[in-house]
Structures are given as structure tokens and as C-alpha cells.
PDB file of all heavy atoms in Angstrom:
ATOM      1  N   SER A   1     210.998 -77.601 -44.597  1.00  0.00           N
ATOM      2  CA  SER A   1     210.594 -76.934 -43.353  1.00  0.00           C
ATOM      3  C   SER A   1     211.650 -75.929 -42.938  1.00  0.00           C
ATOM      4  O   SER A   1     212.780 -76.013 -43.349  1.00  0.00           O
ATOM      5  CB  SER A   1     210.446 -77.982 -42.262  1.00  0.00           C
ATOM      6  OG  SER A   1     209.388 -78.873 -42.509  1.00  0.00           O
ATOM      7  N   HIS A   2     211.244 -74.926 -42.175  1.00  0.00           N
ATOM      8  CA  HIS A   2     212.136 -73.880 -41.713  1.00  0.00           C
ATOM      9  C   HIS A   2     212.038 -73.796 -40.203  1.00  0.00           C
ATOM     10  O   HIS A   2     210.913 -73.932 -39.567  1.00  0.00           O
ATOM     11  CB  HIS A   2     211.669 -72.510 -42.278  1.00  0.00           C
ATOM     12  CG  HIS A   2     211.648 -72.529 -43.785  1.00  0.00           C
ATOM     13  ND1 HIS A   2     212.663 -72.174 -44.591  1.00  0.00           N
ATOM     14  CD2 HIS A   2     210.591 -72.869 -44.633  1.00  0.00           C
ATOM     15  CE1 HIS A   2     212.328 -72.280 -45.839  1.00  0.00           C
ATOM     16  NE2 HIS A   2     211.075 -72.701 -45.936  1.00  0.00           N
ATOM     17  N   LYS A   3     213.135 -73.593 -39.510  1.00  0.00           N
ATOM     18  CA  LYS A   3     213.088 -73.363 -38.082  1.00  0.00           C
ATOM     19  C   LYS A   3     212.298 -72.074 -37.837  1.00  0.00           C
ATOM     20  O   LYS A   3     212.337 -71.165 -38.665  1.00  0.00           O
ATOM     21  CB  LYS A   3     214.522 -73.232 -37.546  1.00  0.00           C
ATOM     22  CG  LYS A   3     215.270 -74.521 -37.548  1.00  0.00           C
ATOM     23  CD  LYS A   3     216.580 -74.398 -36.877  1.00  0.00           C
ATOM     24  CE  LYS A   3     217.297 -75.751 -36.905  1.00  0.00           C
ATOM     25  NZ  LYS A   3     218.441 -75.800 -36.095  1.00  0.00           N
ATOM     26  N   LEU A   4     211.640 -72.005 -36.655  1.00  0.00           N
ATOM     27  CA  LEU A   4     210.804 -70.921 -36.400  1.00  0.00           C
ATOM     28  C   LEU A   4     211.472 -69.557 -36.442  1.00  0.00           C
ATOM     29  O   LEU A   4     211.029 -68.620 -37.071  1.00  0.00           O
ATOM     30  CB  LEU A   4     210.107 -71.094 -34.946  1.00  0.00           C
ATOM     31  CG  LEU A   4     209.216 -69.932 -34.486  1.00  0.00           C
ATOM     32  CD1 LEU A   4     208.096 -69.658 -35.468  1.00  0.00           C
ATOM     33  CD2 LEU A   4     208.710 -70.363 -33.147  1.00  0.00           C
ATOM     34  N   SER A   5     212.668 -69.439 -35.843  1.00  0.00           N
ATOM     35  CA  SER A   5     213.368 -68.187 -35.831  1.00  0.00           C
ATOM     36  C   SER A   5     213.803 -67.756 -37.176  1.00  0.00           C
ATOM     37  O   SER A   5     213.802 -66.557 -37.538  1.00  0.00           O
ATOM     38  CB  SER A   5     214.594 -68.210 -34.866  1.00  0.00           C
ATOM     39  OG  SER A   5     215.425 -69.195 -35.181  1.00  0.00           O
ATOM     40  N   ILE A   6     214.137 -68.729 -38.063  1.00  0.00           N
ATOM     41  CA  ILE A   6     214.505 -68.403 -39.441  1.00  0.00           C
ATOM     42  C   ILE A   6     213.246 -67.940 -40.218  1.00  0.00           C
ATOM     43  O   ILE A   6     213.307 -66.982 -40.978  1.00  0.00           O
ATOM     44  CB  ILE A   6     215.206 -69.624 -40.106  1.00  0.00           C
ATOM     45  CG1 ILE A   6     216.524 -69.905 -39.452  1.00  0.00           C
ATOM     46  CG2 ILE A   6     215.301 -69.445 -41.619  1.00  0.00           C
ATOM     47  CD1 ILE A   6     217.214 -71.153 -39.837  1.00  0.00           C
ATOM     48  N   ALA A   7     212.158 -68.613 -40.005  1.00  0.00           N
ATOM     49  CA  ALA A   7     210.919 -68.190 -40.669  1.00  0.00           C
ATOM     50  C   ALA A   7     210.528 -66.787 -40.296  1.00  0.00           C
ATOM     51  O   ALA A   7     210.191 -65.945 -41.094  1.00  0.00           O
ATOM     52  CB  ALA A   7     209.780 -69.162 -40.378  1.00  0.00           C
ATOM     53  N   ALA A   8     210.681 -66.507 -38.962  1.00  0.00           N
ATOM     54  CA  ALA A   8     210.328 -65.133 -38.499  1.00  0.00           C
ATOM     55  C   ALA A   8     211.246 -64.092 -39.122  1.00  0.00           C
ATOM     56  O   ALA A   8     210.828 -63.054 -39.636  1.00  0.00           O
ATOM     57  CB  ALA A   8     210.436 -65.110 -36.980  1.00  0.00           C
ATOM     58  N   HIS A   9     212.507 -64.389 -39.156  1.00  0.00           N
ATOM     59  CA  HIS A   9     213.520 -63.522 -39.775  1.00  0.00           C
ATOM     60  C   HIS A   9     213.198 -63.273 -41.214  1.00  0.00           C
ATOM     61  O   HIS A   9     213.232 -62.147 -41.742  1.00  0.00           O
ATOM     62  CB  HIS A   9     214.926 -64.050 -39.591  1.00  0.00           C
ATOM     63  CG  HIS A   9     216.008 -63.214 -40.228  1.00  0.00           C
ATOM     64  ND1 HIS A   9     216.393 -61.982 -39.721  1.00  0.00           N
ATOM     65  CD2 HIS A   9     216.680 -63.402 -41.349  1.00  0.00           C
ATOM     66  CE1 HIS A   9     217.298 -61.483 -40.505  1.00  0.00           C
ATOM     67  NE2 HIS A   9     217.499 -62.315 -41.542  1.00  0.00           N
ATOM     68  N   ARG A  10     212.887 -64.317 -41.966  1.00  0.00           N
ATOM     69  CA  ARG A  10     212.619 -64.182 -43.389  1.00  0.00           C
ATOM     70  C   ARG A  10     211.397 -63.336 -43.610  1.00  0.00           C
ATOM     71  O   ARG A  10     211.229 -62.693 -44.708  1.00  0.00           O
ATOM     72  CB  ARG A  10     212.373 -65.572 -44.025  1.00  0.00           C
ATOM     73  CG  ARG A  10     213.612 -66.401 -44.139  1.00  0.00           C
ATOM     74  CD  ARG A  10     213.244 -67.729 -44.689  1.00  0.00           C
ATOM     75  NE  ARG A  10     214.097 -67.930 -45.859  1.00  0.00           N
ATOM     76  CZ  ARG A  10     213.899 -68.842 -46.793  1.00  0.00           C
ATOM     77  NH1 ARG A  10     212.840 -69.631 -46.717  1.00  0.00           N
ATOM     78  NH2 ARG A  10     214.722 -68.979 -47.778  1.00  0.00           N
ATOM     79  N   GLU A  11     210.456 -63.296 -42.655  1.00  0.00           N
ATOM     80  CA  GLU A  11     209.231 -62.518 -42.819  1.00  0.00           C
ATOM     81  C   GLU A  11     209.357 -61.150 -42.169  1.00  0.00           C
ATOM     82  O   GLU A  11     208.366 -60.413 -42.065  1.00  0.00           O
ATOM     83  CB  GLU A  11     208.023 -63.269 -42.225  1.00  0.00           C
ATOM     84  CG  GLU A  11     207.789 -64.597 -42.937  1.00  0.00           C
ATOM     85  CD  GLU A  11     207.646 -64.474 -44.439  1.00  0.00           C
ATOM     86  OE1 GLU A  11     206.995 -63.525 -44.913  1.00  0.00           O
ATOM     87  OE2 GLU A  11     208.099 -65.354 -45.160  1.00  0.00           O
ATOM     88  N   GLY A  12     210.576 -60.796 -41.698  1.00  0.00           N
ATOM     89  CA  GLY A  12     210.809 -59.453 -41.089  1.00  0.00           C
ATOM     90  C   GLY A  12     210.197 -59.314 -39.695  1.00  0.00           C
ATOM     91  O   GLY A  12     209.919 -58.210 -39.270  1.00  0.00           O
ATOM     92  N   LEU A  13     209.976 -60.428 -39.063  1.00  0.00           N
ATOM     93  CA  LEU A  13     209.430 -60.462 -37.677  1.00  0.00           C
ATOM     94  C   LEU A  13     210.523 -60.531 -36.634  1.00  0.00           C
ATOM     95  O   LEU A  13     211.493 -61.249 -36.859  1.00  0.00           O
ATOM     96  CB  LEU A  13     208.403 -61.659 -37.563  1.00  0.00           C
ATOM     97  CG  LEU A  13     207.281 -61.640 -38.557  1.00  0.00           C
ATOM     98  CD1 LEU A  13     206.537 -62.951 -38.387  1.00  0.00           C
ATOM     99  CD2 LEU A  13     206.340 -60.478 -38.278  1.00  0.00           C
ATOM    100  N   PRO A  14     210.333 -59.914 -35.504  1.00  0.00           N
ATOM    101  CA  PRO A  14     211.340 -60.027 -34.464  1.00  0.00           C
ATOM    102  C   PRO A  14     211.364 -61.442 -33.871  1.00  0.00           C
ATOM    103  O   PRO A  14     210.250 -62.052 -33.689  1.00  0.00           O
ATOM    104  CB  PRO A  14     210.909 -59.005 -33.343  1.00  0.00           C
ATOM    105  CG  PRO A  14     209.514 -58.761 -33.660  1.00  0.00           C
ATOM    106  CD  PRO A  14     209.249 -59.020 -35.073  1.00  0.00           C
ATOM    107  N   ALA A  15     212.523 -61.962 -33.581  1.00  0.00           N
ATOM    108  CA  ALA A  15     212.651 -63.288 -33.004  1.00  0.00           C
ATOM    109  C   ALA A  15     213.063 -63.132 -31.540  1.00  0.00           C
ATOM    110  O   ALA A  15     214.106 -63.544 -31.112  1.00  0.00           O
ATOM    111  CB  ALA A  15     213.695 -64.111 -33.766  1.00  0.00           C
ATOM    112  N   ARG A  16     212.131 -62.568 -30.775  1.00  0.00           N
ATOM    113  CA  ARG A  16     212.418 -62.289 -29.328  1.00  0.00           C
ATOM    114  C   ARG A  16     212.176 -63.614 -28.515  1.00  0.00           C
ATOM    115  O   ARG A  16     211.248 -64.336 -28.722  1.00  0.00           O
ATOM    116  CB  ARG A  16     211.460 -61.235 -28.779  1.00  0.00           C
ATOM    117  CG  ARG A  16     211.806 -59.870 -29.284  1.00  0.00           C
ATOM    118  CD  ARG A  16     210.992 -58.828 -28.549  1.00  0.00           C
ATOM    119  NE  ARG A  16     210.854 -57.646 -29.371  1.00  0.00           N
ATOM    120  CZ  ARG A  16     209.779 -57.325 -30.013  1.00  0.00           C
ATOM    121  NH1 ARG A  16     208.700 -58.014 -29.962  1.00  0.00           N
ATOM    122  NH2 ARG A  16     209.765 -56.247 -30.802  1.00  0.00           N
ATOM    123  N   ASP A  17     213.061 -63.793 -27.550  1.00  0.00           N
ATOM    124  CA  ASP A  17     212.892 -64.865 -26.604  1.00  0.00           C
ATOM    125  C   ASP A  17     212.769 -66.232 -27.303  1.00  0.00           C
ATOM    126  O   ASP A  17     212.003 -67.109 -26.838  1.00  0.00           O
ATOM    127  CB  ASP A  17     211.675 -64.659 -25.659  1.00  0.00           C
ATOM    128  CG  ASP A  17     211.820 -63.352 -24.905  1.00  0.00           C
ATOM    129  OD1 ASP A  17     212.898 -63.044 -24.438  1.00  0.00           O
ATOM    130  OD2 ASP A  17     210.759 -62.639 -24.764  1.00  0.00           O
ATOM    131  N   ALA A  18     213.543 -66.430 -28.306  1.00  0.00           N
ATOM    132  CA  ALA A  18     213.565 -67.741 -28.987  1.00  0.00           C
ATOM    133  C   ALA A  18     213.925 -68.838 -28.008  1.00  0.00           C
ATOM    134  O   ALA A  18     214.761 -68.590 -27.114  1.00  0.00           O
ATOM    135  CB  ALA A  18     214.515 -67.765 -30.206  1.00  0.00           C
ATOM    136  N   HIS A  19     213.411 -69.985 -28.129  1.00  0.00           N
ATOM    137  CA  HIS A  19     213.600 -71.091 -27.310  1.00  0.00           C
ATOM    138  C   HIS A  19     213.119 -70.933 -25.898  1.00  0.00           C
ATOM    139  O   HIS A  19     213.623 -71.589 -24.951  1.00  0.00           O
ATOM    140  CB  HIS A  19     215.080 -71.580 -27.370  1.00  0.00           C
ATOM    141  CG  HIS A  19     215.507 -71.997 -28.750  1.00  0.00           C
ATOM    142  ND1 HIS A  19     214.929 -73.069 -29.386  1.00  0.00           N
ATOM    143  CD2 HIS A  19     216.447 -71.493 -29.567  1.00  0.00           C
ATOM    144  CE1 HIS A  19     215.486 -73.180 -30.565  1.00  0.00           C
ATOM    145  NE2 HIS A  19     216.347 -72.256 -30.728  1.00  0.00           N
ATOM    146  N   THR A  20     212.176 -70.097 -25.714  1.00  0.00           N
ATOM    147  CA  THR A  20     211.318 -70.073 -24.518  1.00  0.00           C
ATOM    148  C   THR A  20     209.942 -70.420 -25.017  1.00  0.00           C
ATOM    149  O   THR A  20     209.600 -70.021 -26.119  1.00  0.00           O
ATOM    150  CB  THR A  20     211.335 -68.752 -23.801  1.00  0.00           C
ATOM    151  OG1 THR A  20     210.613 -67.765 -24.620  1.00  0.00           O
ATOM    152  CG2 THR A  20     212.777 -68.234 -23.431  1.00  0.00           C
ATOM    153  N   SER A  21     209.183 -71.085 -24.236  1.00  0.00           N
ATOM    154  CA  SER A  21     207.868 -71.534 -24.738  1.00  0.00           C
ATOM    155  C   SER A  21     206.981 -70.310 -25.039  1.00  0.00           C
ATOM    156  O   SER A  21     206.285 -70.253 -26.074  1.00  0.00           O
ATOM    157  CB  SER A  21     207.130 -72.469 -23.756  1.00  0.00           C
ATOM    158  OG  SER A  21     206.982 -71.833 -22.498  1.00  0.00           O
ATOM    159  N   LEU A  22     207.020 -69.273 -24.250  1.00  0.00           N
ATOM    160  CA  LEU A  22     206.199 -68.056 -24.448  1.00  0.00           C
ATOM    161  C   LEU A  22     206.702 -67.274 -25.657  1.00  0.00           C
ATOM    162  O   LEU A  22     205.918 -66.876 -26.508  1.00  0.00           O
ATOM    163  CB  LEU A  22     206.110 -67.243 -23.219  1.00  0.00           C
ATOM    164  CG  LEU A  22     205.186 -66.036 -23.300  1.00  0.00           C
ATOM    165  CD1 LEU A  22     203.766 -66.478 -23.550  1.00  0.00           C
ATOM    166  CD2 LEU A  22     205.264 -65.218 -21.995  1.00  0.00           C
ATOM    167  N   GLY A  23     207.988 -67.118 -25.784  1.00  0.00           N
ATOM    168  CA  GLY A  23     208.568 -66.411 -26.908  1.00  0.00           C
ATOM    169  C   GLY A  23     208.256 -67.147 -28.222  1.00  0.00           C
ATOM    170  O   GLY A  23     207.896 -66.505 -29.211  1.00  0.00           O
ATOM    171  N   ASP A  24     208.392 -68.445 -28.268  1.00  0.00           N
ATOM    172  CA  ASP A  24     208.119 -69.197 -29.508  1.00  0.00           C
ATOM    173  C   ASP A  24     206.636 -69.188 -29.823  1.00  0.00           C
ATOM    174  O   ASP A  24     206.238 -69.135 -30.984  1.00  0.00           O
ATOM    175  CB  ASP A  24     208.618 -70.611 -29.352  1.00  0.00           C
ATOM    176  CG  ASP A  24     210.156 -70.708 -29.406  1.00  0.00           C
ATOM    177  OD1 ASP A  24     210.822 -69.634 -29.739  1.00  0.00           O
ATOM    178  OD2 ASP A  24     210.716 -71.826 -29.215  1.00  0.00           O
ATOM    179  N   ALA A  25     205.757 -69.284 -28.803  1.00  0.00           N
ATOM    180  CA  ALA A  25     204.334 -69.192 -29.065  1.00  0.00           C
ATOM    181  C   ALA A  25     203.943 -67.849 -29.716  1.00  0.00           C
ATOM    182  O   ALA A  25     203.184 -67.774 -30.677  1.00  0.00           O
ATOM    183  CB  ALA A  25     203.523 -69.398 -27.802  1.00  0.00           C
ATOM    184  N   ARG A  26     204.551 -66.770 -29.187  1.00  0.00           N
ATOM    185  CA  ARG A  26     204.219 -65.447 -29.675  1.00  0.00           C
ATOM    186  C   ARG A  26     204.827 -65.267 -31.086  1.00  0.00           C
ATOM    187  O   ARG A  26     204.233 -64.617 -31.944  1.00  0.00           O
ATOM    188  CB  ARG A  26     204.730 -64.377 -28.707  1.00  0.00           C
ATOM    189  CG  ARG A  26     203.826 -64.309 -27.511  1.00  0.00           C
ATOM    190  CD  ARG A  26     204.158 -63.211 -26.545  1.00  0.00           C
ATOM    191  NE  ARG A  26     203.105 -63.114 -25.528  1.00  0.00           N
ATOM    192  CZ  ARG A  26     203.362 -62.717 -24.289  1.00  0.00           C
ATOM    193  NH1 ARG A  26     204.537 -62.359 -23.910  1.00  0.00           N
ATOM    194  NH2 ARG A  26     202.339 -62.633 -23.414  1.00  0.00           N
ATOM    195  N   MET A  27     206.018 -65.843 -31.334  1.00  0.00           N
ATOM    196  CA  MET A  27     206.608 -65.749 -32.677  1.00  0.00           C
ATOM    197  C   MET A  27     205.689 -66.539 -33.634  1.00  0.00           C
ATOM    198  O   MET A  27     205.563 -66.083 -34.766  1.00  0.00           O
ATOM    199  CB  MET A  27     208.011 -66.361 -32.650  1.00  0.00           C
ATOM    200  CG  MET A  27     208.976 -65.703 -33.524  1.00  0.00           C
ATOM    201  SD  MET A  27     210.680 -66.419 -33.521  1.00  0.00           S
ATOM    202  CE  MET A  27     210.987 -66.819 -31.837  1.00  0.00           C
ATOM    203  N   THR A  28     205.209 -67.694 -33.253  1.00  0.00           N
ATOM    204  CA  THR A  28     204.309 -68.448 -34.102  1.00  0.00           C
ATOM    205  C   THR A  28     203.038 -67.654 -34.440  1.00  0.00           C
ATOM    206  O   THR A  28     202.647 -67.597 -35.611  1.00  0.00           O
ATOM    207  CB  THR A  28     203.901 -69.785 -33.423  1.00  0.00           C
ATOM    208  OG1 THR A  28     205.099 -70.553 -33.243  1.00  0.00           O
ATOM    209  CG2 THR A  28     202.944 -70.571 -34.265  1.00  0.00           C
ATOM    210  N   LEU A  29     202.434 -66.960 -33.434  1.00  0.00           N
ATOM    211  CA  LEU A  29     201.269 -66.137 -33.751  1.00  0.00           C
ATOM    212  C   LEU A  29     201.569 -65.031 -34.629  1.00  0.00           C
ATOM    213  O   LEU A  29     200.810 -64.747 -35.583  1.00  0.00           O
ATOM    214  CB  LEU A  29     200.701 -65.634 -32.384  1.00  0.00           C
ATOM    215  CG  LEU A  29     199.495 -64.786 -32.489  1.00  0.00           C
ATOM    216  CD1 LEU A  29     198.324 -65.468 -33.122  1.00  0.00           C
ATOM    217  CD2 LEU A  29     199.086 -64.235 -31.109  1.00  0.00           C
TER     218      LEU A  29
END
């Protein structure tokens, strides 16, 4: 498993507002 912010970084996605529920939901999407 990978932490969400690490997964986003690996895929070249911005990791904005990590560890906020809205930021993490948008990062997941």
C-alpha cells in the first residue's frame, strides 16, 4: 500500500491540502 500523498506524487498529481478531508477526497478522485 502507498500513502495517498505519495501515490499522488508518484503519478505526477498535485498533493494539495493533504490531511484535510476535502483535499484528500479530491486527491483520491
